[in-house]
Amino acid sequence: FVEKLETTEQAPDAMALFQRYADGLGFSFATCLKVPEVGEDLAAC
């Protein structure tokens, strides 16, 4: 997974790659976020 991720250049491809990996370990759902900057909406992060 890590090797394939390093060569991925599009966010949707990276997400799909991770979800396939997570599915294999029994996780159907995933969230990844960054800490909001001052004044930044959480949804945008």
All heavy atoms as atom14 arrays in JSON, in Angstrom:
{
  "sequence": "FVEKLETTEQAPDAMALFQRYADGLGFSFATCLKVPEVGEDLAAC",
  "atom14_mask": [
    [1, 1, 1, 1, 1, 1, 1, 1, 1, 1, 1, 0, 0, 0],
    [1, 1, 1, 1, 1, 1, 1, 0, 0, 0, 0, 0, 0, 0],
    [1, 1, 1, 1, 1, 1, 1, 1, 1, 0, 0, 0, 0, 0],
    [1, 1, 1, 1, 1, 1, 1, 1, 1, 0, 0, 0, 0, 0],
    [1, 1, 1, 1, 1, 1, 1, 1, 0, 0, 0, 0, 0, 0],
    [1, 1, 1, 1, 1, 1, 1, 1, 1, 0, 0, 0, 0, 0],
    [1, 1, 1, 1, 1, 1, 1, 0, 0, 0, 0, 0, 0, 0],
    [1, 1, 1, 1, 1, 1, 1, 0, 0, 0, 0, 0, 0, 0],
    [1, 1, 1, 1, 1, 1, 1, 1, 1, 0, 0, 0, 0, 0],
    [1, 1, 1, 1, 1, 1, 1, 1, 1, 0, 0, 0, 0, 0],
    [1, 1, 1, 1, 1, 0, 0, 0, 0, 0, 0, 0, 0, 0],
    [1, 1, 1, 1, 1, 1, 1, 0, 0, 0, 0, 0, 0, 0],
    [1, 1, 1, 1, 1, 1, 1, 1, 0, 0, 0, 0, 0, 0],
    [1, 1, 1, 1, 1, 0, 0, 0, 0, 0, 0, 0, 0, 0],
    [1, 1, 1, 1, 1, 1, 1, 1, 0, 0, 0, 0, 0, 0],
    [1, 1, 1, 1, 1, 0, 0, 0, 0, 0, 0, 0, 0, 0],
    [1, 1, 1, 1, 1, 1, 1, 1, 0, 0, 0, 0, 0, 0],
    [1, 1, 1, 1, 1, 1, 1, 1, 1, 1, 1, 0, 0, 0],
    [1, 1, 1, 1, 1, 1, 1, 1, 1, 0, 0, 0, 0, 0],
    [1, 1, 1, 1, 1, 1, 1, 1, 1, 1, 1, 0, 0, 0],
    [1, 1, 1, 1, 1, 1, 1, 1, 1, 1, 1, 1, 0, 0],
    [1, 1, 1, 1, 1, 0, 0, 0, 0, 0, 0, 0, 0, 0],
    [1, 1, 1, 1, 1, 1, 1, 1, 0, 0, 0, 0, 0, 0],
    [1, 1, 1, 1, 0, 0, 0, 0, 0, 0, 0, 0, 0, 0],
    [1, 1, 1, 1, 1, 1, 1, 1, 0, 0, 0, 0, 0, 0],
    [1, 1, 1, 1, 0, 0, 0, 0, 0, 0, 0, 0, 0, 0],
    [1, 1, 1, 1, 1, 1, 1, 1, 1, 1, 1, 0, 0, 0],
    [1, 1, 1, 1, 1, 1, 0, 0, 0, 0, 0, 0, 0, 0],
    [1, 1, 1, 1, 1, 1, 1, 1, 1, 1, 1, 0, 0, 0],
    [1, 1, 1, 1, 1, 0, 0, 0, 0, 0, 0, 0, 0, 0],
    [1, 1, 1, 1, 1, 1, 1, 0, 0, 0, 0, 0, 0, 0],
    [1, 1, 1, 1, 1, 1, 0, 0, 0, 0, 0, 0, 0, 0],
    [1, 1, 1, 1, 1, 1, 1, 1, 0, 0, 0, 0, 0, 0],
    [1, 1, 1, 1, 1, 1, 1, 1, 1, 0, 0, 0, 0, 0],
    [1, 1, 1, 1, 1, 1, 1, 0, 0, 0, 0, 0, 0, 0],
    [1, 1, 1, 1, 1, 1, 1, 0, 0, 0, 0, 0, 0, 0],
    [1, 1, 1, 1, 1, 1, 1, 1, 1, 0, 0, 0, 0, 0],
    [1, 1, 1, 1, 1, 1, 1, 0, 0, 0, 0, 0, 0, 0],
    [1, 1, 1, 1, 0, 0, 0, 0, 0, 0, 0, 0, 0, 0],
    [1, 1, 1, 1, 1, 1, 1, 1, 1, 0, 0, 0, 0, 0],
    [1, 1, 1, 1, 1, 1, 1, 1, 0, 0, 0, 0, 0, 0],
    [1, 1, 1, 1, 1, 1, 1, 1, 0, 0, 0, 0, 0, 0],
    [1, 1, 1, 1, 1, 0, 0, 0, 0, 0, 0, 0, 0, 0],
    [1, 1, 1, 1, 1, 0, 0, 0, 0, 0, 0, 0, 0, 0],
    [1, 1, 1, 1, 1, 1, 0, 0, 0, 0, 0, 0, 0, 0]
  ],
  "atom14_positions": [
    [[0.83, -1.2, 0.0], [0.0, 0.0, 0.0], [0.87, 1.26, 0.0], [0.64, 2.19, -0.78], [-0.93, 0.02, 1.21], [-1.47, 1.38, 1.54], [-2.45, 1.96, 0.76], [-0.96, 2.09, 2.63], [-2.93, 3.23, 1.05], [-1.44, 3.35, 2.93], [-2.43, 3.93, 2.14], [0.0, 0.0, 0.0], [0.0, 0.0, 0.0], [0.0, 0.0, 0.0]],
    [[1.86, 1.29, 0.88], [2.74, 2.46, 0.98], [3.48, 2.7, -0.33], [3.6, 3.84, -0.8], [3.73, 2.3, 2.15], [4.79, 3.39, 2.11], [2.99, 2.32, 3.49], [0.0, 0.0, 0.0], [0.0, 0.0, 0.0], [0.0, 0.0, 0.0], [0.0, 0.0, 0.0], [0.0, 0.0, 0.0], [0.0, 0.0, 0.0], [0.0, 0.0, 0.0]],
    [[3.98, 1.64, -0.94], [4.71, 1.78, -2.2], [3.82, 2.34, -3.31], [4.23, 3.22, -4.07], [5.28, 0.42, -2.63], [6.43, -0.07, -1.75], [6.87, -1.47, -2.1], [6.24, -2.1, -2.97], [7.86, -1.95, -1.49], [0.0, 0.0, 0.0], [0.0, 0.0, 0.0], [0.0, 0.0, 0.0], [0.0, 0.0, 0.0], [0.0, 0.0, 0.0]],
    [[2.58, 1.85, -3.4], [1.65, 2.34, -4.41], [1.24, 3.78, -4.11], [1.1, 4.61, -5.02], [0.42, 1.45, -4.47], [0.68, 0.06, -5.03], [-0.58, -0.79, -5.01], [-0.32, -2.19, -5.54], [-1.54, -3.05, -5.47], [0.0, 0.0, 0.0], [0.0, 0.0, 0.0], [0.0, 0.0, 0.0], [0.0, 0.0, 0.0], [0.0, 0.0, 0.0]],
    [[1.06, 4.09, -2.83], [0.64, 5.44, -2.44], [1.69, 6.48, -2.83], [1.35, 7.59, -3.25], [0.39, 5.49, -0.93], [-0.22, 6.79, -0.39], [-1.66, 6.93, -0.87], [-0.19, 6.79, 1.14], [0.0, 0.0, 0.0], [0.0, 0.0, 0.0], [0.0, 0.0, 0.0], [0.0, 0.0, 0.0], [0.0, 0.0, 0.0], [0.0, 0.0, 0.0]],
    [[2.94, 6.12, -2.68], [4.02, 7.07, -2.97], [4.04, 7.49, -4.44], [4.52, 8.58, -4.77], [5.37, 6.46, -2.58], [5.57, 6.37, -1.07], [6.92, 5.8, -0.7], [7.52, 5.09, -1.54], [7.38, 6.06, 0.43], [0.0, 0.0, 0.0], [0.0, 0.0, 0.0], [0.0, 0.0, 0.0], [0.0, 0.0, 0.0], [0.0, 0.0, 0.0]],
    [[3.52, 6.66, -5.33], [3.53, 6.99, -6.76], [2.18, 7.55, -7.23], [2.01, 7.84, -8.41], [3.87, 5.75, -7.6], [2.88, 4.74, -7.37], [5.24, 5.2, -7.22], [0.0, 0.0, 0.0], [0.0, 0.0, 0.0], [0.0, 0.0, 0.0], [0.0, 0.0, 0.0], [0.0, 0.0, 0.0], [0.0, 0.0, 0.0], [0.0, 0.0, 0.0]],
    [[1.24, 7.7, -6.31], [-0.09, 8.21, -6.65], [-0.08, 9.74, -6.67], [0.44, 10.37, -5.76], [-1.13, 7.72, -5.62], [-1.13, 6.29, -5.61], [-2.51, 8.22, -5.97], [0.0, 0.0, 0.0], [0.0, 0.0, 0.0], [0.0, 0.0, 0.0], [0.0, 0.0, 0.0], [0.0, 0.0, 0.0], [0.0, 0.0, 0.0], [0.0, 0.0, 0.0]],
    [[-0.65, 10.32, -7.73], [-0.61, 11.77, -7.88], [-1.98, 12.43, -7.83], [-2.08, 13.64, -7.97], [0.06, 12.12, -9.23], [1.53, 11.73, -9.3], [2.37, 12.4, -8.22], [2.07, 13.56, -7.87], [3.31, 11.76, -7.71], [0.0, 0.0, 0.0], [0.0, 0.0, 0.0], [0.0, 0.0, 0.0], [0.0, 0.0, 0.0], [0.0, 0.0, 0.0]],
    [[-3.04, 11.63, -7.66], [-4.39, 12.19, -7.57], [-5.03, 11.77, -6.26], [-4.98, 10.61, -5.88], [-5.25, 11.71, -8.75], [-4.72, 12.13, -10.12], [-4.77, 13.63, -10.32], [-5.66, 14.31, -9.8], [-3.81, 14.16, -11.06], [0.0, 0.0, 0.0], [0.0, 0.0, 0.0], [0.0, 0.0, 0.0], [0.0, 0.0, 0.0], [0.0, 0.0, 0.0]],
    [[-5.67, 12.73, -5.57], [-6.29, 12.44, -4.28], [-7.33, 11.33, -4.34], [-7.34, 10.45, -3.48], [-6.89, 13.72, -3.69], [0.0, 0.0, 0.0], [0.0, 0.0, 0.0], [0.0, 0.0, 0.0], [0.0, 0.0, 0.0], [0.0, 0.0, 0.0], [0.0, 0.0, 0.0], [0.0, 0.0, 0.0], [0.0, 0.0, 0.0], [0.0, 0.0, 0.0]],
    [[-8.24, 11.32, -5.33], [-9.23, 10.23, -5.37], [-8.57, 8.86, -5.48], [-9.07, 7.88, -4.91], [-10.05, 10.55, -6.63], [-9.92, 12.03, -6.79], [-8.52, 12.34, -6.37], [0.0, 0.0, 0.0], [0.0, 0.0, 0.0], [0.0, 0.0, 0.0], [0.0, 0.0, 0.0], [0.0, 0.0, 0.0], [0.0, 0.0, 0.0], [0.0, 0.0, 0.0]],
    [[-7.46, 8.77, -6.22], [-6.76, 7.5, -6.35], [-6.15, 7.08, -5.02], [-6.17, 5.9, -4.65], [-5.66, 7.6, -7.41], [-6.22, 7.83, -8.8], [-7.39, 7.47, -9.04], [-5.5, 8.4, -9.64], [0.0, 0.0, 0.0], [0.0, 0.0, 0.0], [0.0, 0.0, 0.0], [0.0, 0.0, 0.0], [0.0, 0.0, 0.0], [0.0, 0.0, 0.0]],
    [[-5.61, 8.05, -4.28], [-5.03, 7.76, -2.97], [-6.1, 7.29, -2.0], [-5.9, 6.34, -1.23], [-4.33, 9.01, -2.42], [0.0, 0.0, 0.0], [0.0, 0.0, 0.0], [0.0, 0.0, 0.0], [0.0, 0.0, 0.0], [0.0, 0.0, 0.0], [0.0, 0.0, 0.0], [0.0, 0.0, 0.0], [0.0, 0.0, 0.0], [0.0, 0.0, 0.0]],
    [[-7.27, 7.93, -2.04], [-8.38, 7.54, -1.17], [-8.86, 6.13, -1.48], [-9.09, 5.32, -0.58], [-9.54, 8.53, -1.32], [-9.23, 9.95, -0.9], [-10.65, 11.02, -1.24], [-9.83, 12.63, -1.28], [0.0, 0.0, 0.0], [0.0, 0.0, 0.0], [0.0, 0.0, 0.0], [0.0, 0.0, 0.0], [0.0, 0.0, 0.0], [0.0, 0.0, 0.0]],
    [[-9.02, 5.86, -2.77], [-9.49, 4.52, -3.18], [-8.48, 3.45, -2.8], [-8.86, 2.36, -2.34], [-9.74, 4.51, -4.68], [0.0, 0.0, 0.0], [0.0, 0.0, 0.0], [0.0, 0.0, 0.0], [0.0, 0.0, 0.0], [0.0, 0.0, 0.0], [0.0, 0.0, 0.0], [0.0, 0.0, 0.0], [0.0, 0.0, 0.0], [0.0, 0.0, 0.0]],
    [[-7.21, 3.77, -2.95], [-6.15, 2.83, -2.6], [-6.2, 2.52, -1.1], [-6.1, 1.35, -0.68], [-4.8, 3.42, -2.97], [-3.57, 2.53, -2.85], [-3.65, 1.36, -3.83], [-2.3, 3.35, -3.13], [0.0, 0.0, 0.0], [0.0, 0.0, 0.0], [0.0, 0.0, 0.0], [0.0, 0.0, 0.0], [0.0, 0.0, 0.0], [0.0, 0.0, 0.0]],
    [[-6.37, 3.56, -0.29], [-6.42, 3.35, 1.16], [-7.68, 2.59, 1.56], [-7.63, 1.72, 2.44], [-6.39, 4.69, 1.9], [-6.41, 4.54, 3.39], [-5.27, 4.14, 4.08], [-7.58, 4.77, 4.11], [-5.29, 3.98, 5.46], [-7.6, 4.62, 5.49], [-6.46, 4.23, 6.16], [0.0, 0.0, 0.0], [0.0, 0.0, 0.0], [0.0, 0.0, 0.0]],
    [[-8.81, 2.89, 0.92], [-10.04, 2.21, 1.31], [-9.97, 0.72, 1.0], [-10.47, -0.09, 1.77], [-11.25, 2.85, 0.62], [-12.57, 2.37, 1.18], [-12.66, 2.56, 2.7], [-12.53, 3.68, 3.19], [-12.84, 1.47, 3.44], [0.0, 0.0, 0.0], [0.0, 0.0, 0.0], [0.0, 0.0, 0.0], [0.0, 0.0, 0.0], [0.0, 0.0, 0.0]],
    [[-9.35, 0.37, -0.12], [-9.18, -1.06, -0.43], [-8.31, -1.72, 0.62], [-8.58, -2.85, 1.06], [-8.56, -1.23, -1.82], [-9.51, -0.94, -2.97], [-8.97, -1.48, -4.29], [-7.73, -0.84, -4.67], [-7.67, 0.27, -5.4], [-8.78, 0.89, -5.81], [-6.49, 0.79, -5.72], [0.0, 0.0, 0.0], [0.0, 0.0, 0.0], [0.0, 0.0, 0.0]],
    [[-7.28, -1.02, 1.04], [-6.39, -1.54, 2.08], [-7.16, -1.71, 3.4], [-7.09, -2.75, 4.05], [-5.21, -0.59, 2.26], [-4.39, -0.83, 3.5], [-3.45, -1.86, 3.56], [-4.57, -0.04, 4.63], [-2.71, -2.08, 4.71], [-3.83, -0.26, 5.78], [-2.9, -1.28, 5.82], [-2.17, -1.5, 6.95], [0.0, 0.0, 0.0], [0.0, 0.0, 0.0]],
    [[-7.92, -0.68, 3.79], [-8.66, -0.72, 5.04], [-9.75, -1.79, 5.01], [-9.99, -2.48, 6.0], [-9.27, 0.65, 5.33], [0.0, 0.0, 0.0], [0.0, 0.0, 0.0], [0.0, 0.0, 0.0], [0.0, 0.0, 0.0], [0.0, 0.0, 0.0], [0.0, 0.0, 0.0], [0.0, 0.0, 0.0], [0.0, 0.0, 0.0], [0.0, 0.0, 0.0]],
    [[-10.41, -1.93, 3.85], [-11.44, -2.97, 3.71], [-10.87, -4.36, 4.01], [-11.53, -5.2, 4.62], [-12.01, -2.97, 2.3], [-13.02, -1.84, 2.07], [-13.58, -1.34, 3.07], [-13.23, -1.46, 0.91], [0.0, 0.0, 0.0], [0.0, 0.0, 0.0], [0.0, 0.0, 0.0], [0.0, 0.0, 0.0], [0.0, 0.0, 0.0], [0.0, 0.0, 0.0]],
    [[-9.64, -4.57, 3.57], [-9.01, -5.86, 3.79], [-8.77, -6.17, 5.25], [-8.6, -7.34, 5.63], [0.0, 0.0, 0.0], [0.0, 0.0, 0.0], [0.0, 0.0, 0.0], [0.0, 0.0, 0.0], [0.0, 0.0, 0.0], [0.0, 0.0, 0.0], [0.0, 0.0, 0.0], [0.0, 0.0, 0.0], [0.0, 0.0, 0.0], [0.0, 0.0, 0.0]],
    [[-8.78, -5.13, 6.08], [-8.58, -5.32, 7.52], [-9.9, -5.17, 8.29], [-9.89, -5.15, 9.52], [-7.55, -4.3, 8.02], [-6.14, -4.48, 7.45], [-5.22, -3.35, 7.94], [-5.56, -5.83, 7.84], [0.0, 0.0, 0.0], [0.0, 0.0, 0.0], [0.0, 0.0, 0.0], [0.0, 0.0, 0.0], [0.0, 0.0, 0.0], [0.0, 0.0, 0.0]],
    [[-11.01, -5.06, 7.56], [-12.31, -5.04, 8.2], [-12.91, -3.67, 8.45], [-13.98, -3.56, 9.07], [0.0, 0.0, 0.0], [0.0, 0.0, 0.0], [0.0, 0.0, 0.0], [0.0, 0.0, 0.0], [0.0, 0.0, 0.0], [0.0, 0.0, 0.0], [0.0, 0.0, 0.0], [0.0, 0.0, 0.0], [0.0, 0.0, 0.0], [0.0, 0.0, 0.0]],
    [[-12.26, -2.61, 7.97], [-12.76, -1.25, 8.2], [-13.48, -0.75, 6.95], [-12.88, -0.58, 5.9], [-11.62, -0.3, 8.55], [-10.96, -0.61, 9.86], [-9.78, -1.36, 9.9], [-11.5, -0.17, 11.05], [-9.16, -1.65, 11.1], [-10.9, -0.47, 12.26], [-9.73, -1.21, 12.29], [0.0, 0.0, 0.0], [0.0, 0.0, 0.0], [0.0, 0.0, 0.0]],
    [[-14.76, -0.47, 7.09], [-15.56, -0.01, 5.96], [-15.55, 1.5, 5.79], [-15.87, 2.01, 4.72], [-17.02, -0.48, 6.12], [-17.08, -1.89, 6.23], [0.0, 0.0, 0.0], [0.0, 0.0, 0.0], [0.0, 0.0, 0.0], [0.0, 0.0, 0.0], [0.0, 0.0, 0.0], [0.0, 0.0, 0.0], [0.0, 0.0, 0.0], [0.0, 0.0, 0.0]],
    [[-15.2, 2.22, 6.84], [-15.3, 3.67, 6.81], [-14.0, 4.32, 7.29], [-13.33, 3.8, 8.19], [-16.46, 4.15, 7.69], [-17.76, 3.47, 7.37], [-18.24, 2.44, 8.17], [-18.49, 3.83, 6.25], [-19.43, 1.8, 7.88], [-19.67, 3.19, 5.93], [-20.15, 2.18, 6.75], [0.0, 0.0, 0.0], [0.0, 0.0, 0.0], [0.0, 0.0, 0.0]],
    [[-13.67, 5.46, 6.69], [-12.44, 6.15, 7.04], [-12.61, 7.66, 6.92], [-13.32, 8.15, 6.04], [-11.29, 5.69, 6.15], [0.0, 0.0, 0.0], [0.0, 0.0, 0.0], [0.0, 0.0, 0.0], [0.0, 0.0, 0.0], [0.0, 0.0, 0.0], [0.0, 0.0, 0.0], [0.0, 0.0, 0.0], [0.0, 0.0, 0.0], [0.0, 0.0, 0.0]],
    [[-11.96, 8.37, 7.82], [-11.91, 9.83, 7.78], [-10.46, 10.27, 7.97], [-9.77, 9.73, 8.83], [-12.77, 10.47, 8.88], [-14.15, 10.15, 8.65], [-12.62, 11.98, 8.89], [0.0, 0.0, 0.0], [0.0, 0.0, 0.0], [0.0, 0.0, 0.0], [0.0, 0.0, 0.0], [0.0, 0.0, 0.0], [0.0, 0.0, 0.0], [0.0, 0.0, 0.0]],
    [[-10.05, 11.24, 7.18], [-8.72, 11.82, 7.32], [-8.89, 13.33, 7.3], [-9.55, 13.87, 6.39], [-7.81, 11.35, 6.18], [-6.14, 12.05, 6.21], [0.0, 0.0, 0.0], [0.0, 0.0, 0.0], [0.0, 0.0, 0.0], [0.0, 0.0, 0.0], [0.0, 0.0, 0.0], [0.0, 0.0, 0.0], [0.0, 0.0, 0.0], [0.0, 0.0, 0.0]],
    [[-8.36, 14.02, 8.27], [-8.51, 15.48, 8.3], [-7.28, 16.14, 8.89], [-6.48, 15.51, 9.58], [-9.76, 15.89, 9.06], [-9.9, 15.5, 10.54], [-9.19, 16.5, 11.45], [-11.36, 15.43, 10.94], [0.0, 0.0, 0.0], [0.0, 0.0, 0.0], [0.0, 0.0, 0.0], [0.0, 0.0, 0.0], [0.0, 0.0, 0.0], [0.0, 0.0, 0.0]],
    [[-7.15, 17.42, 8.58], [-6.09, 18.22, 9.15], [-6.69, 19.18, 10.17], [-7.89, 19.48, 10.12], [-5.34, 19.0, 8.08], [-6.12, 20.15, 7.45], [-5.28, 20.84, 6.4], [-5.98, 22.1, 5.88], [-6.05, 23.17, 6.9], [0.0, 0.0, 0.0], [0.0, 0.0, 0.0], [0.0, 0.0, 0.0], [0.0, 0.0, 0.0], [0.0, 0.0, 0.0]],
    [[-5.88, 19.65, 11.1], [-6.36, 20.59, 12.11], [-6.71, 21.91, 11.42], [-5.92, 22.42, 10.62], [-5.29, 20.82, 13.18], [-5.72, 21.93, 14.13], [-5.06, 19.53, 13.97], [0.0, 0.0, 0.0], [0.0, 0.0, 0.0], [0.0, 0.0, 0.0], [0.0, 0.0, 0.0], [0.0, 0.0, 0.0], [0.0, 0.0, 0.0], [0.0, 0.0, 0.0]],
    [[-7.89, 22.46, 11.68], [-8.27, 23.72, 11.05], [-7.34, 24.86, 11.44], [-6.87, 24.95, 12.58], [-9.69, 23.98, 11.59], [-10.17, 22.66, 12.07], [-8.95, 21.93, 12.55], [0.0, 0.0, 0.0], [0.0, 0.0, 0.0], [0.0, 0.0, 0.0], [0.0, 0.0, 0.0], [0.0, 0.0, 0.0], [0.0, 0.0, 0.0], [0.0, 0.0, 0.0]],
    [[-7.07, 25.73, 10.48], [-6.34, 26.95, 10.77], [-7.31, 27.95, 11.38], [-8.52, 27.73, 11.38], [-5.72, 27.5, 9.48], [-4.71, 26.56, 8.85], [-4.2, 27.05, 7.51], [-4.53, 28.2, 7.14], [-3.51, 26.28, 6.82], [0.0, 0.0, 0.0], [0.0, 0.0, 0.0], [0.0, 0.0, 0.0], [0.0, 0.0, 0.0], [0.0, 0.0, 0.0]],
    [[-6.8, 29.06, 11.9], [-7.66, 30.05, 12.53], [-8.71, 30.54, 11.54], [-8.38, 30.97, 10.43], [-6.82, 31.24, 13.05], [-7.74, 32.31, 13.63], [-5.82, 30.77, 14.09], [0.0, 0.0, 0.0], [0.0, 0.0, 0.0], [0.0, 0.0, 0.0], [0.0, 0.0, 0.0], [0.0, 0.0, 0.0], [0.0, 0.0, 0.0], [0.0, 0.0, 0.0]],
    [[-9.97, 30.44, 11.93], [-11.06, 30.9, 11.08], [-11.47, 29.92, 10.01], [-12.41, 30.19, 9.25], [0.0, 0.0, 0.0], [0.0, 0.0, 0.0], [0.0, 0.0, 0.0], [0.0, 0.0, 0.0], [0.0, 0.0, 0.0], [0.0, 0.0, 0.0], [0.0, 0.0, 0.0], [0.0, 0.0, 0.0], [0.0, 0.0, 0.0], [0.0, 0.0, 0.0]],
    [[-10.82, 28.76, 9.94], [-11.13, 27.78, 8.91], [-12.2, 26.82, 9.4], [-12.14, 26.32, 10.52], [-9.86, 27.01, 8.53], [-10.01, 26.14, 7.29], [-8.68, 25.53, 6.87], [-7.77, 25.42, 7.72], [-8.55, 25.16, 5.69], [0.0, 0.0, 0.0], [0.0, 0.0, 0.0], [0.0, 0.0, 0.0], [0.0, 0.0, 0.0], [0.0, 0.0, 0.0]],
    [[-13.18, 26.55, 8.54], [-14.27, 25.64, 8.9], [-13.78, 24.2, 8.93], [-13.0, 23.79, 8.06], [-15.4, 25.79, 7.88], [-16.6, 24.93, 8.26], [-17.24, 25.22, 9.28], [-16.88, 23.97, 7.52], [0.0, 0.0, 0.0], [0.0, 0.0, 0.0], [0.0, 0.0, 0.0], [0.0, 0.0, 0.0], [0.0, 0.0, 0.0], [0.0, 0.0, 0.0]],
    [[-14.25, 23.44, 9.91], [-13.81, 22.05, 10.06], [-14.11, 21.23, 8.81], [-13.3, 20.41, 8.38], [-14.47, 21.41, 11.28], [-14.13, 19.94, 11.54], [-12.63, 19.77, 11.79], [-14.93, 19.4, 12.72], [0.0, 0.0, 0.0], [0.0, 0.0, 0.0], [0.0, 0.0, 0.0], [0.0, 0.0, 0.0], [0.0, 0.0, 0.0], [0.0, 0.0, 0.0]],
    [[-15.28, 21.46, 8.21], [-15.67, 20.69, 7.03], [-14.67, 20.88, 5.89], [-14.43, 19.97, 5.1], [-17.07, 21.09, 6.58], [0.0, 0.0, 0.0], [0.0, 0.0, 0.0], [0.0, 0.0, 0.0], [0.0, 0.0, 0.0], [0.0, 0.0, 0.0], [0.0, 0.0, 0.0], [0.0, 0.0, 0.0], [0.0, 0.0, 0.0], [0.0, 0.0, 0.0]],
    [[-14.08, 22.07, 5.81], [-13.13, 22.34, 4.74], [-11.79, 21.64, 4.97], [-10.95, 21.6, 4.06], [-12.9, 23.85, 4.62], [0.0, 0.0, 0.0], [0.0, 0.0, 0.0], [0.0, 0.0, 0.0], [0.0, 0.0, 0.0], [0.0, 0.0, 0.0], [0.0, 0.0, 0.0], [0.0, 0.0, 0.0], [0.0, 0.0, 0.0], [0.0, 0.0, 0.0]],
    [[-11.61, 21.09, 6.16], [-10.34, 20.43, 6.5], [-10.39, 18.93, 6.28], [-9.4, 18.24, 6.52], [-9.99, 20.72, 7.95], [-9.71, 22.46, 8.27], [0.0, 0.0, 0.0], [0.0, 0.0, 0.0], [0.0, 0.0, 0.0], [0.0, 0.0, 0.0], [0.0, 0.0, 0.0], [0.0, 0.0, 0.0], [0.0, 0.0, 0.0], [0.0, 0.0, 0.0]]
  ]
}
